[in-house]
Amino acid sequence: MADFNSLPDVIKPFVDKIKSTKKSLVEMTLTPVEDYILWDSRVGGMPYLPLNEKYPTNIEGMPLKLLAQINFAQMPILENYPEKGILQFFIGGDDLYGADFEHRQKQEDFRIIYWEDIIEDASQLTQDFSAVIAAHSDDYYTPIDHQYSIEYTPAEQFISIDDFQFGQKILGVDNLYDYEEQFEGEDFYDEWVEPYSDTFESGAHCIGGYPFFTQTDPREYEEDIQQYELLLQINTDYEIGIMWGDMGVGNFFIHPDDLKKRDFSRVVYNWDCG
């Protein structure tokens, strides 16, 4: 939890506004593993897939890559999220990892799949993924080098400085750097932005909460998705073989009403790097 007492004096007048933005989230600790149960939560590996169900592909028929699989029965309860079922995130293998930055919700080169009722019987699930493995050749781009178990930890978080609403909610200006004109110190970044970022970190692998970006929050310039909230975030984790481009981060966003309805057809997929 953030230490409000350690904040510089220039930030302390905003503490009440900052506290009003508190959100619950679930942080994820990832550990490389060799073996896994098909219906378990994980990043990477092969998916939970009932027999006779088709493996998800892109518009050209190329099998997509399982980025993450969340078994909600294994995760701490999070408001508005399912308490059961499996949510899967598949991404493409081109140099953009299946993202389309002009049409972020078009699930042609990425897919989000939700299974509400889970079969915990391996004999009723696809186990032979040899064709998928063969299709994922050396020229198949992926941000993950392995498969990883997930350890979930409930947490709380305050608005990240990367969130496009930060300026409006905390500083009373349209954009974070609009406040620089009012700042009475010597260096706005060193004396305000950096201390805030260090105190209220947002770069964890997580479900829910506030996002982290190395560039810009895409919601700032796209009115249709400004009500969307973070669904899943997987950050670069170099030591265990996760790398989005050049030290980037991957995020998925969903409208709160869609989350309540378990409708994952309009999820926004974004990633950026330095």
C-alpha atoms as a PDB file:
ATOM      1  CA  MET A   1       0.000   0.000   0.000  1.00  0.00           C
ATOM      2  CA  ALA A   2       1.230   3.475  -0.823  1.00  0.00           C
ATOM      3  CA  ASP A   3       2.842   5.529   1.938  1.00  0.00           C
ATOM      4  CA  PHE A   4       1.056   8.882   1.900  1.00  0.00           C
ATOM      5  CA  ASN A   5       3.343  10.239   4.610  1.00  0.00           C
ATOM      6  CA  SER A   6       6.349  10.014   2.304  1.00  0.00           C
ATOM      7  CA  LEU A   7       4.827  12.258  -0.357  1.00  0.00           C
ATOM      8  CA  PRO A   8       6.564  15.569  -1.105  1.00  0.00           C
ATOM      9  CA  ASP A   9       4.818  18.650   0.262  1.00  0.00           C
ATOM     10  CA  VAL A  10       3.781  19.735  -3.257  1.00  0.00           C
ATOM     11  CA  ILE A  11       1.642  16.589  -3.623  1.00  0.00           C
ATOM     12  CA  LYS A  12       0.087  16.502  -0.141  1.00  0.00           C
ATOM     13  CA  PRO A  13      -2.698  19.025  -0.948  1.00  0.00           C
ATOM     14  CA  PHE A  14      -4.086  16.439  -3.387  1.00  0.00           C
ATOM     15  CA  VAL A  15      -4.163  13.496  -0.959  1.00  0.00           C
ATOM     16  CA  ASP A  16      -7.954  13.460  -0.487  1.00  0.00           C
ATOM     17  CA  LYS A  17      -8.525  13.394  -4.235  1.00  0.00           C
ATOM     18  CA  ILE A  18      -5.948  10.640  -4.643  1.00  0.00           C
ATOM     19  CA  LYS A  19      -7.563   8.531  -1.910  1.00  0.00           C
ATOM     20  CA  SER A  20     -10.952   8.877  -3.632  1.00  0.00           C
ATOM     21  CA  THR A  21      -9.611   6.946  -6.641  1.00  0.00           C
ATOM     22  CA  LYS A  22      -8.848   3.731  -4.730  1.00  0.00           C
ATOM     23  CA  LYS A  23      -9.583   0.537  -6.653  1.00  0.00           C
ATOM     24  CA  SER A  24      -9.300  -3.132  -5.871  1.00  0.00           C
ATOM     25  CA  LEU A  25      -7.281  -5.355  -8.171  1.00  0.00           C
ATOM     26  CA  VAL A  26      -5.591  -8.734  -8.221  1.00  0.00           C
ATOM     27  CA  GLU A  27      -1.851  -8.774  -8.779  1.00  0.00           C
ATOM     28  CA  MET A  28      -0.205 -11.759 -10.433  1.00  0.00           C
ATOM     29  CA  THR A  29       3.192 -13.282  -9.697  1.00  0.00           C
ATOM     30  CA  LEU A  30       4.414 -15.396 -12.612  1.00  0.00           C
ATOM     31  CA  THR A  31       6.725 -18.399 -12.268  1.00  0.00           C
ATOM     32  CA  PRO A  32       8.079 -20.438 -15.215  1.00  0.00           C
ATOM     33  CA  VAL A  33       6.802 -24.030 -15.164  1.00  0.00           C
ATOM     34  CA  GLU A  34       7.286 -27.106 -17.318  1.00  0.00           C
ATOM     35  CA  ASP A  35       3.961 -28.811 -16.608  1.00  0.00           C
ATOM     36  CA  TYR A  36       0.463 -27.553 -15.952  1.00  0.00           C
ATOM     37  CA  ILE A  37      -3.132 -28.702 -15.707  1.00  0.00           C
ATOM     38  CA  LEU A  38      -5.115 -27.657 -18.774  1.00  0.00           C
ATOM     39  CA  TRP A  39      -7.764 -25.743 -16.823  1.00  0.00           C
ATOM     40  CA  ASP A  40      -5.357 -23.957 -14.508  1.00  0.00           C
ATOM     41  CA  SER A  41      -4.617 -20.238 -14.632  1.00  0.00           C
ATOM     42  CA  ARG A  42      -1.404 -19.398 -16.451  1.00  0.00           C
ATOM     43  CA  VAL A  43       0.423 -17.186 -18.896  1.00  0.00           C
ATOM     44  CA  GLY A  44       1.488 -18.978 -22.075  1.00  0.00           C
ATOM     45  CA  GLY A  45       1.335 -22.682 -22.805  1.00  0.00           C
ATOM     46  CA  MET A  46      -1.592 -24.421 -24.464  1.00  0.00           C
ATOM     47  CA  PRO A  47      -5.212 -23.591 -23.667  1.00  0.00           C
ATOM     48  CA  TYR A  48      -8.159 -25.226 -22.039  1.00  0.00           C
ATOM     49  CA  LEU A  49     -10.072 -26.487 -25.105  1.00  0.00           C
ATOM     50  CA  PRO A  50     -12.963 -28.972 -24.959  1.00  0.00           C
ATOM     51  CA  LEU A  51     -12.899 -31.756 -27.539  1.00  0.00           C
ATOM     52  CA  ASN A  52     -14.586 -30.874 -30.850  1.00  0.00           C
ATOM     53  CA  GLU A  53     -14.031 -27.151 -30.256  1.00  0.00           C
ATOM     54  CA  LYS A  54     -11.863 -25.365 -32.805  1.00  0.00           C
ATOM     55  CA  TYR A  55      -8.569 -23.804 -31.821  1.00  0.00           C
ATOM     56  CA  PRO A  56      -8.792 -20.001 -32.367  1.00  0.00           C
ATOM     57  CA  THR A  57      -7.076 -18.662 -35.484  1.00  0.00           C
ATOM     58  CA  ASN A  58      -6.552 -15.315 -37.168  1.00  0.00           C
ATOM     59  CA  ILE A  59      -8.372 -14.298 -40.355  1.00  0.00           C
ATOM     60  CA  GLU A  60      -5.804 -16.201 -42.425  1.00  0.00           C
ATOM     61  CA  GLY A  61      -6.266 -19.421 -40.482  1.00  0.00           C
ATOM     62  CA  MET A  62      -3.029 -19.197 -38.494  1.00  0.00           C
ATOM     63  CA  PRO A  63      -3.365 -20.482 -34.920  1.00  0.00           C
ATOM     64  CA  LEU A  64      -3.148 -17.697 -32.377  1.00  0.00           C
ATOM     65  CA  LYS A  65      -0.924 -17.792 -29.300  1.00  0.00           C
ATOM     66  CA  LEU A  66      -2.363 -18.185 -25.813  1.00  0.00           C
ATOM     67  CA  LEU A  67      -1.148 -15.152 -23.897  1.00  0.00           C
ATOM     68  CA  ALA A  68      -3.077 -15.726 -20.676  1.00  0.00           C
ATOM     69  CA  GLN A  69      -5.728 -17.985 -19.193  1.00  0.00           C
ATOM     70  CA  ILE A  70      -7.557 -16.876 -16.054  1.00  0.00           C
ATOM     71  CA  ASN A  71      -9.514 -19.455 -14.072  1.00  0.00           C
ATOM     72  CA  PHE A  72     -11.726 -17.263 -11.904  1.00  0.00           C
ATOM     73  CA  ALA A  73     -12.401 -20.058  -9.409  1.00  0.00           C
ATOM     74  CA  GLN A  74      -8.680 -19.902  -8.552  1.00  0.00           C
ATOM     75  CA  MET A  75      -8.589 -16.108  -8.249  1.00  0.00           C
ATOM     76  CA  PRO A  76      -9.619 -13.967  -5.258  1.00  0.00           C
ATOM     77  CA  ILE A  77     -13.088 -12.500  -5.708  1.00  0.00           C
ATOM     78  CA  LEU A  78     -13.013  -9.145  -7.491  1.00  0.00           C
ATOM     79  CA  GLU A  79     -16.130  -6.994  -7.800  1.00  0.00           C
ATOM     80  CA  ASN A  80     -18.002  -7.406 -11.115  1.00  0.00           C
ATOM     81  CA  TYR A  81     -15.674 -10.187 -12.276  1.00  0.00           C
ATOM     82  CA  PRO A  82     -16.897 -13.762 -12.705  1.00  0.00           C
ATOM     83  CA  GLU A  83     -16.425 -16.126  -9.777  1.00  0.00           C
ATOM     84  CA  LYS A  84     -16.143 -19.129 -12.058  1.00  0.00           C
ATOM     85  CA  GLY A  85     -15.196 -19.921 -15.627  1.00  0.00           C
ATOM     86  CA  ILE A  86     -12.069 -19.403 -17.707  1.00  0.00           C
ATOM     87  CA  LEU A  87     -11.160 -16.267 -19.646  1.00  0.00           C
ATOM     88  CA  GLN A  88      -8.561 -16.676 -22.390  1.00  0.00           C
ATOM     89  CA  PHE A  89      -6.502 -14.063 -24.221  1.00  0.00           C
ATOM     90  CA  PHE A  90      -5.062 -15.109 -27.583  1.00  0.00           C
ATOM     91  CA  ILE A  91      -2.766 -12.884 -29.645  1.00  0.00           C
ATOM     92  CA  GLY A  92      -1.279 -13.031 -33.134  1.00  0.00           C
ATOM     93  CA  GLY A  93       2.267 -13.779 -34.219  1.00  0.00           C
ATOM     94  CA  ASP A  94       3.042 -10.838 -36.499  1.00  0.00           C
ATOM     95  CA  ASP A  95       5.398  -8.050 -35.482  1.00  0.00           C
ATOM     96  CA  LEU A  96       2.482  -6.265 -33.760  1.00  0.00           C
ATOM     97  CA  TYR A  97       1.485  -9.376 -31.775  1.00  0.00           C
ATOM     98  CA  GLY A  98      -1.925  -9.282 -33.450  1.00  0.00           C
ATOM     99  CA  ALA A  99      -2.751  -5.718 -32.430  1.00  0.00           C
ATOM    100  CA  ASP A 100      -4.517  -3.333 -34.808  1.00  0.00           C
ATOM    101  CA  PHE A 101      -3.948   0.175 -33.502  1.00  0.00           C
ATOM    102  CA  GLU A 102      -6.538   1.615 -35.905  1.00  0.00           C
ATOM    103  CA  HIS A 103      -9.216  -0.875 -34.839  1.00  0.00           C
ATOM    104  CA  ARG A 104      -8.299  -1.964 -31.319  1.00  0.00           C
ATOM    105  CA  GLN A 105     -11.506  -3.960 -30.762  1.00  0.00           C
ATOM    106  CA  LYS A 106     -11.522  -5.945 -33.992  1.00  0.00           C
ATOM    107  CA  GLN A 107     -10.884  -9.534 -32.951  1.00  0.00           C
ATOM    108  CA  GLU A 108      -9.348 -10.735 -36.187  1.00  0.00           C
ATOM    109  CA  ASP A 109      -5.736 -11.202 -35.098  1.00  0.00           C
ATOM    110  CA  PHE A 110      -6.477 -11.581 -31.406  1.00  0.00           C
ATOM    111  CA  ARG A 111      -9.321 -13.303 -29.572  1.00  0.00           C
ATOM    112  CA  ILE A 112     -10.900 -13.188 -26.137  1.00  0.00           C
ATOM    113  CA  ILE A 113     -12.808 -16.341 -25.182  1.00  0.00           C
ATOM    114  CA  TYR A 114     -14.843 -16.997 -22.041  1.00  0.00           C
ATOM    115  CA  TRP A 115     -15.858 -20.487 -20.946  1.00  0.00           C
ATOM    116  CA  GLU A 116     -18.495 -20.240 -18.220  1.00  0.00           C
ATOM    117  CA  ASP A 117     -18.724 -23.917 -17.307  1.00  0.00           C
ATOM    118  CA  ILE A 118     -15.456 -25.803 -16.970  1.00  0.00           C
ATOM    119  CA  ILE A 119     -14.769 -29.475 -17.633  1.00  0.00           C
ATOM    120  CA  GLU A 120     -12.145 -30.701 -15.172  1.00  0.00           C
ATOM    121  CA  ASP A 121     -11.549 -33.983 -16.980  1.00  0.00           C
ATOM    122  CA  ALA A 122      -8.482 -34.104 -19.212  1.00  0.00           C
ATOM    123  CA  SER A 123      -9.953 -36.938 -21.297  1.00  0.00           C
ATOM    124  CA  GLN A 124     -12.652 -34.526 -22.467  1.00  0.00           C
ATOM    125  CA  LEU A 125     -10.138 -31.844 -23.457  1.00  0.00           C
ATOM    126  CA  THR A 126      -7.807 -31.402 -26.406  1.00  0.00           C
ATOM    127  CA  GLN A 127      -4.314 -32.551 -25.459  1.00  0.00           C
ATOM    128  CA  ASP A 128      -2.625 -32.888 -28.842  1.00  0.00           C
ATOM    129  CA  PHE A 129      -1.492 -29.428 -29.928  1.00  0.00           C
ATOM    130  CA  SER A 130       1.232 -30.616 -32.314  1.00  0.00           C
ATOM    131  CA  ALA A 131      -0.282 -28.747 -35.285  1.00  0.00           C
ATOM    132  CA  VAL A 132      -0.388 -25.524 -33.269  1.00  0.00           C
ATOM    133  CA  ILE A 133       3.205 -25.948 -32.123  1.00  0.00           C
ATOM    134  CA  ALA A 134       4.321 -26.586 -35.707  1.00  0.00           C
ATOM    135  CA  ALA A 135       2.536 -23.436 -36.896  1.00  0.00           C
ATOM    136  CA  HIS A 136       4.282 -21.354 -34.234  1.00  0.00           C
ATOM    137  CA  SER A 137       7.630 -21.519 -36.017  1.00  0.00           C
ATOM    138  CA  ASP A 138      10.766 -19.475 -35.375  1.00  0.00           C
ATOM    139  CA  ASP A 139       9.381 -16.455 -37.242  1.00  0.00           C
ATOM    140  CA  TYR A 140       6.271 -16.323 -35.028  1.00  0.00           C
ATOM    141  CA  TYR A 141       6.582 -13.194 -32.892  1.00  0.00           C
ATOM    142  CA  THR A 142       5.572 -13.514 -29.253  1.00  0.00           C
ATOM    143  CA  PRO A 143       6.224 -11.473 -26.103  1.00  0.00           C
ATOM    144  CA  ILE A 144       6.483 -14.631 -23.966  1.00  0.00           C
ATOM    145  CA  ASP A 145       9.215 -17.259 -24.128  1.00  0.00           C
ATOM    146  CA  HIS A 146       7.760 -19.864 -21.789  1.00  0.00           C
ATOM    147  CA  GLN A 147       4.679 -20.801 -19.799  1.00  0.00           C
ATOM    148  CA  TYR A 148       4.093 -19.480 -16.299  1.00  0.00           C
ATOM    149  CA  SER A 149       1.966 -20.373 -13.314  1.00  0.00           C
ATOM    150  CA  ILE A 150       0.032 -17.540 -11.683  1.00  0.00           C
ATOM    151  CA  GLU A 151      -0.056 -16.734  -7.983  1.00  0.00           C
ATOM    152  CA  TYR A 152      -2.855 -14.266  -7.239  1.00  0.00           C
ATOM    153  CA  THR A 153      -2.700 -11.573  -4.552  1.00  0.00           C
ATOM    154  CA  PRO A 154      -5.571  -9.173  -3.777  1.00  0.00           C
ATOM    155  CA  ALA A 155      -4.434  -5.554  -3.599  1.00  0.00           C
ATOM    156  CA  GLU A 156      -5.579  -1.944  -3.690  1.00  0.00           C
ATOM    157  CA  GLN A 157      -4.340   0.802  -5.947  1.00  0.00           C
ATOM    158  CA  PHE A 158      -4.727   4.533  -6.512  1.00  0.00           C
ATOM    159  CA  ILE A 159      -4.923   6.210  -9.895  1.00  0.00           C
ATOM    160  CA  SER A 160      -1.754   5.888 -11.938  1.00  0.00           C
ATOM    161  CA  ILE A 161      -0.128   8.956 -13.389  1.00  0.00           C
ATOM    162  CA  ASP A 162      -0.386   7.268 -16.805  1.00  0.00           C
ATOM    163  CA  ASP A 163      -4.190   7.144 -16.669  1.00  0.00           C
ATOM    164  CA  PHE A 164      -5.677   9.681 -19.091  1.00  0.00           C
ATOM    165  CA  GLN A 165      -8.071  10.947 -16.398  1.00  0.00           C
ATOM    166  CA  PHE A 166      -5.297  11.785 -13.942  1.00  0.00           C
ATOM    167  CA  GLY A 167      -5.167  15.488 -14.790  1.00  0.00           C
ATOM    168  CA  GLN A 168      -8.928  15.901 -14.504  1.00  0.00           C
ATOM    169  CA  LYS A 169      -9.449  13.815 -11.367  1.00  0.00           C
ATOM    170  CA  ILE A 170      -6.446  14.967  -9.354  1.00  0.00           C
ATOM    171  CA  LEU A 171      -5.158  18.280 -10.689  1.00  0.00           C
ATOM    172  CA  GLY A 172      -8.283  19.873 -12.146  1.00  0.00           C
ATOM    173  CA  VAL A 173      -6.760  20.262 -15.613  1.00  0.00           C
ATOM    174  CA  ASP A 174      -7.390  18.452 -18.884  1.00  0.00           C
ATOM    175  CA  ASN A 175      -3.936  16.937 -19.135  1.00  0.00           C
ATOM    176  CA  LEU A 176      -1.233  16.153 -16.586  1.00  0.00           C
ATOM    177  CA  TYR A 177       1.276  18.547 -18.090  1.00  0.00           C
ATOM    178  CA  ASP A 178      -1.249  21.376 -18.268  1.00  0.00           C
ATOM    179  CA  TYR A 179      -0.622  21.677 -14.550  1.00  0.00           C
ATOM    180  CA  GLU A 180       3.046  22.463 -15.148  1.00  0.00           C
ATOM    181  CA  GLU A 181       2.109  26.100 -15.827  1.00  0.00           C
ATOM    182  CA  GLN A 182       0.687  26.350 -12.301  1.00  0.00           C
ATOM    183  CA  PHE A 183       3.533  24.484 -10.620  1.00  0.00           C
ATOM    184  CA  GLU A 184       5.597  26.745  -8.393  1.00  0.00           C
ATOM    185  CA  GLY A 185       8.621  24.480  -7.996  1.00  0.00           C
ATOM    186  CA  GLU A 186      11.723  24.274 -10.155  1.00  0.00           C
ATOM    187  CA  ASP A 187      11.173  21.028 -12.071  1.00  0.00           C
ATOM    188  CA  PHE A 188       7.653  19.587 -12.445  1.00  0.00           C
ATOM    189  CA  TYR A 189       8.827  16.145 -13.545  1.00  0.00           C
ATOM    190  CA  ASP A 190      11.491  15.670 -10.861  1.00  0.00           C
ATOM    191  CA  GLU A 191       9.493  17.211  -8.020  1.00  0.00           C
ATOM    192  CA  TRP A 192       5.934  16.020  -8.836  1.00  0.00           C
ATOM    193  CA  VAL A 193       5.647  13.407 -11.577  1.00  0.00           C
ATOM    194  CA  GLU A 194       8.499  11.125 -10.563  1.00  0.00           C
ATOM    195  CA  PRO A 195       7.714  11.047  -6.808  1.00  0.00           C
ATOM    196  CA  TYR A 196       4.063  10.284  -7.575  1.00  0.00           C
ATOM    197  CA  SER A 197       5.005   7.489  -9.983  1.00  0.00           C
ATOM    198  CA  ASP A 198       7.405   5.986  -7.450  1.00  0.00           C
ATOM    199  CA  THR A 199       4.785   6.047  -4.688  1.00  0.00           C
ATOM    200  CA  PHE A 200       1.803   4.843  -6.718  1.00  0.00           C
ATOM    201  CA  GLU A 201       3.281   2.218  -9.010  1.00  0.00           C
ATOM    202  CA  SER A 202       1.104   0.671 -11.714  1.00  0.00           C
ATOM    203  CA  GLY A 203       3.387  -1.693 -13.586  1.00  0.00           C
ATOM    204  CA  ALA A 204       2.374  -5.019 -12.060  1.00  0.00           C
ATOM    205  CA  HIS A 205       0.989  -8.019 -13.904  1.00  0.00           C
ATOM    206  CA  CYS A 206      -2.621  -7.630 -12.805  1.00  0.00           C
ATOM    207  CA  ILE A 207      -6.341  -8.014 -13.301  1.00  0.00           C
ATOM    208  CA  GLY A 208      -8.273  -4.785 -12.796  1.00  0.00           C
ATOM    209  CA  GLY A 209      -6.831  -1.628 -11.282  1.00  0.00           C
ATOM    210  CA  TYR A 210      -5.128   1.192 -13.161  1.00  0.00           C
ATOM    211  CA  PRO A 211      -2.915   0.775 -16.233  1.00  0.00           C
ATOM    212  CA  PHE A 212       0.720   1.467 -16.931  1.00  0.00           C
ATOM    213  CA  PHE A 213       2.020   2.725 -20.280  1.00  0.00           C
ATOM    214  CA  THR A 214       5.421   3.477 -21.717  1.00  0.00           C
ATOM    215  CA  GLN A 215       3.762   5.816 -24.221  1.00  0.00           C
ATOM    216  CA  THR A 216       0.228   7.241 -24.043  1.00  0.00           C
ATOM    217  CA  ASP A 217      -3.110   5.995 -22.762  1.00  0.00           C
ATOM    218  CA  PRO A 218      -5.055   5.206 -25.987  1.00  0.00           C
ATOM    219  CA  ARG A 219      -8.330   6.125 -24.295  1.00  0.00           C
ATOM    220  CA  GLU A 220      -7.306   9.779 -24.212  1.00  0.00           C
ATOM    221  CA  TYR A 221      -7.838  10.212 -27.960  1.00  0.00           C
ATOM    222  CA  GLU A 222     -10.616   7.672 -28.612  1.00  0.00           C
ATOM    223  CA  GLU A 223     -13.922   8.842 -27.150  1.00  0.00           C
ATOM    224  CA  ASP A 224     -15.641   5.511 -27.777  1.00  0.00           C
ATOM    225  CA  ILE A 225     -13.432   3.755 -25.234  1.00  0.00           C
ATOM    226  CA  GLN A 226     -13.066   6.430 -22.553  1.00  0.00           C
ATOM    227  CA  GLN A 227     -15.393   4.549 -20.196  1.00  0.00           C
ATOM    228  CA  TYR A 228     -13.306   1.398 -20.518  1.00  0.00           C
ATOM    229  CA  GLU A 229     -11.325   0.062 -17.562  1.00  0.00           C
ATOM    230  CA  LEU A 230      -8.303  -2.187 -17.272  1.00  0.00           C
ATOM    231  CA  LEU A 231      -9.156  -5.876 -17.619  1.00  0.00           C
ATOM    232  CA  LEU A 232      -5.702  -7.485 -17.796  1.00  0.00           C
ATOM    233  CA  GLN A 233      -2.159  -6.176 -17.830  1.00  0.00           C
ATOM    234  CA  ILE A 234       1.015  -8.144 -18.513  1.00  0.00           C
ATOM    235  CA  ASN A 235       4.189  -6.135 -18.312  1.00  0.00           C
ATOM    236  CA  THR A 236       7.695  -6.848 -19.536  1.00  0.00           C
ATOM    237  CA  ASP A 237       9.397  -9.177 -17.061  1.00  0.00           C
ATOM    238  CA  TYR A 238      12.833  -9.605 -18.553  1.00  0.00           C
ATOM    239  CA  GLU A 239      14.199 -12.035 -15.973  1.00  0.00           C
ATOM    240  CA  ILE A 240      11.580 -14.664 -16.807  1.00  0.00           C
ATOM    241  CA  GLY A 241      11.434 -14.097 -20.559  1.00  0.00           C
ATOM    242  CA  ILE A 242       8.532 -11.687 -21.103  1.00  0.00           C
ATOM    243  CA  MET A 243       9.265  -8.757 -23.404  1.00  0.00           C
ATOM    244  CA  TRP A 244       6.826  -6.533 -25.289  1.00  0.00           C
ATOM    245  CA  GLY A 245       8.932  -5.002 -28.067  1.00  0.00           C
ATOM    246  CA  ASP A 246      11.519  -2.806 -26.345  1.00  0.00           C
ATOM    247  CA  MET A 247      10.580  -3.056 -22.636  1.00  0.00           C
ATOM    248  CA  GLY A 248       6.878  -2.466 -23.294  1.00  0.00           C
ATOM    249  CA  VAL A 249       3.595  -3.503 -21.708  1.00  0.00           C
ATOM    250  CA  GLY A 250       0.390  -5.184 -22.895  1.00  0.00           C
ATOM    251  CA  ASN A 251      -3.070  -4.085 -21.708  1.00  0.00           C
ATOM    252  CA  PHE A 252      -6.652  -5.171 -22.329  1.00  0.00           C
ATOM    253  CA  PHE A 253      -9.616  -2.919 -21.480  1.00  0.00           C
ATOM    254  CA  ILE A 254     -13.342  -3.569 -21.139  1.00  0.00           C
ATOM    255  CA  HIS A 255     -16.478  -1.489 -20.595  1.00  0.00           C
ATOM    256  CA  PRO A 256     -17.810  -2.093 -17.047  1.00  0.00           C
ATOM    257  CA  ASP A 257     -21.269  -2.994 -18.389  1.00  0.00           C
ATOM    258  CA  ASP A 258     -19.754  -5.601 -20.711  1.00  0.00           C
ATOM    259  CA  LEU A 259     -17.807  -7.100 -17.815  1.00  0.00           C
ATOM    260  CA  LYS A 260     -20.982  -7.451 -15.760  1.00  0.00           C
ATOM    261  CA  LYS A 261     -22.706  -9.146 -18.724  1.00  0.00           C
ATOM    262  CA  ARG A 262     -19.694 -11.417 -19.377  1.00  0.00           C
ATOM    263  CA  ASP A 263     -19.528  -9.970 -22.887  1.00  0.00           C
ATOM    264  CA  PHE A 264     -15.904  -9.937 -24.039  1.00  0.00           C
ATOM    265  CA  SER A 265     -16.595  -9.195 -27.703  1.00  0.00           C
ATOM    266  CA  ARG A 266     -15.618  -5.509 -27.507  1.00  0.00           C
ATOM    267  CA  VAL A 267     -12.412  -5.766 -25.487  1.00  0.00           C
ATOM    268  CA  VAL A 268      -9.690  -3.264 -26.415  1.00  0.00           C
ATOM    269  CA  TYR A 269      -6.203  -4.699 -26.987  1.00  0.00           C
ATOM    270  CA  ASN A 270      -3.245  -2.357 -26.715  1.00  0.00           C
ATOM    271  CA  TRP A 271       0.470  -2.613 -26.187  1.00  0.00           C
ATOM    272  CA  ASP A 272       3.282  -0.120 -26.427  1.00  0.00           C
ATOM    273  CA  CYS A 273       7.004   0.089 -25.796  1.00  0.00           C
ATOM    274  CA  GLY A 274       9.722   2.667 -25.285  1.00  0.00           C
END
